[in-house]
Amino acid sequence: MAVDVNVDVTSALSTVEQVAHVDPMILLAGIGLIALAIFFIFFLKRVIVNSILGLVAFAVLWFMGIKLPFLVTLVVSIIFGLAGVGTMLILYYFGLLG
């Protein structure tokens, strides 16, 4: 039951040498992307939720038969969320939106 330690150490050292030759910019880019994702999720969570709710409200209105202009209302609901959909409904009610 002899274990050949030299083979395991040699393969481990070759792996370490391969990792040592990798560009450190890849590591920095990965860390930067993770930090950016955390920033967006942490600080812009309310904006993202509001935009999703605006899209859901637009879809519900569309399926209920209230046909607002599709592209304009879609963009407004993504940017402004529920307030944008509400504004589009008010404009549609007063005939300012065709």
Protein backbone atom coordinates (compact mmCIF):
# COMPACT_ATOMS: atom_id res chain seq x y z
CA MET A 1 0.00 0.00 0.00
CA ALA A 2 2.66 2.47 -0.95
CA VAL A 3 1.44 5.85 -2.11
CA ASP A 4 3.51 7.60 -4.74
CA VAL A 5 3.65 11.11 -3.28
CA ASN A 6 5.97 12.43 -5.98
CA VAL A 7 3.35 12.06 -8.72
CA ASP A 8 0.73 13.97 -6.73
CA VAL A 9 3.11 16.80 -5.84
CA THR A 10 4.35 17.02 -9.42
CA SER A 11 0.83 17.30 -10.84
CA ALA A 12 -0.07 19.87 -8.20
CA LEU A 13 2.99 21.96 -9.04
CA SER A 14 2.23 21.83 -12.75
CA THR A 15 -1.30 23.06 -12.04
CA VAL A 16 0.08 25.91 -9.93
CA GLU A 17 2.48 26.85 -12.71
CA GLN A 18 -0.37 26.91 -15.22
CA VAL A 19 -2.44 29.16 -12.98
CA ALA A 20 0.51 31.47 -12.41
CA HIS A 21 0.72 32.19 -16.16
CA VAL A 22 -2.92 33.37 -16.41
CA ASP A 23 -3.50 37.09 -17.02
CA PRO A 24 -4.53 38.81 -13.74
CA MET A 25 -6.86 41.11 -15.71
CA ILE A 26 -9.25 38.17 -16.03
CA LEU A 27 -9.48 37.96 -12.25
CA LEU A 28 -9.95 41.72 -11.93
CA ALA A 29 -12.64 41.71 -14.62
CA GLY A 30 -14.48 38.92 -12.82
CA ILE A 31 -14.36 40.74 -9.51
CA GLY A 32 -15.49 43.95 -11.21
CA LEU A 33 -18.48 42.24 -12.82
CA ILE A 34 -19.52 40.71 -9.51
CA ALA A 35 -19.25 44.12 -7.80
CA LEU A 36 -21.30 45.71 -10.59
CA ALA A 37 -24.01 43.06 -10.25
CA ILE A 38 -24.16 43.59 -6.48
CA PHE A 39 -24.40 47.35 -7.05
CA PHE A 40 -27.30 46.96 -9.47
CA ILE A 41 -29.17 44.52 -7.27
CA PHE A 42 -28.57 46.41 -4.01
CA PHE A 43 -29.05 50.01 -5.11
CA LEU A 44 -31.42 49.64 -8.04
CA LYS A 45 -33.69 46.94 -6.63
CA ARG A 46 -36.68 49.27 -6.38
CA VAL A 47 -36.20 50.52 -9.92
CA ILE A 48 -36.01 46.99 -11.26
CA VAL A 49 -39.11 45.89 -9.33
CA ASN A 50 -41.02 48.99 -10.49
CA SER A 51 -40.09 48.29 -14.11
CA ILE A 52 -41.21 44.68 -13.85
CA LEU A 53 -44.50 45.76 -12.25
CA GLY A 54 -44.98 48.28 -15.07
CA LEU A 55 -44.50 45.55 -17.66
CA VAL A 56 -46.94 43.29 -15.83
CA ALA A 57 -49.52 46.11 -15.66
CA PHE A 58 -49.05 46.81 -19.37
CA ALA A 59 -49.55 43.12 -20.19
CA VAL A 60 -52.69 42.94 -18.04
CA LEU A 61 -54.12 46.02 -19.74
CA TRP A 62 -53.25 44.61 -23.16
CA PHE A 63 -55.03 41.32 -22.43
CA MET A 64 -58.02 43.16 -20.93
CA GLY A 65 -58.54 44.85 -24.28
CA ILE A 66 -57.15 48.30 -23.54
CA LYS A 67 -54.96 48.72 -26.61
CA LEU A 68 -52.48 51.50 -25.90
CA PRO A 69 -49.80 52.17 -28.54
CA PHE A 70 -47.55 49.18 -28.11
CA LEU A 71 -43.97 50.41 -28.56
CA VAL A 72 -44.40 53.76 -26.83
CA THR A 73 -46.20 52.27 -23.83
CA LEU A 74 -43.72 49.41 -23.61
CA VAL A 75 -40.76 51.80 -23.43
CA VAL A 76 -42.52 54.09 -20.94
CA SER A 77 -43.51 51.16 -18.73
CA ILE A 78 -39.94 49.82 -18.73
CA ILE A 79 -38.44 53.20 -17.83
CA PHE A 80 -41.08 54.61 -15.45
CA GLY A 81 -42.88 51.47 -14.27
CA LEU A 82 -46.39 51.74 -12.85
CA ALA A 83 -46.37 55.54 -12.93
CA GLY A 84 -45.60 55.43 -16.65
CA VAL A 85 -48.47 53.05 -17.36
CA GLY A 86 -50.80 55.22 -15.30
CA THR A 87 -49.73 58.31 -17.22
CA MET A 88 -50.28 56.53 -20.53
CA LEU A 89 -53.78 55.53 -19.40
CA ILE A 90 -54.62 59.12 -18.47
CA LEU A 91 -53.32 60.39 -21.81
CA TYR A 92 -55.32 57.69 -23.60
CA TYR A 93 -58.46 58.60 -21.66
CA PHE A 94 -58.26 62.26 -22.65
CA GLY A 95 -57.58 61.38 -26.27
CA LEU A 96 -54.02 62.69 -26.33
CA LEU A 97 -52.60 59.29 -27.20
CA GLY A 98 -53.64 57.72 -30.46
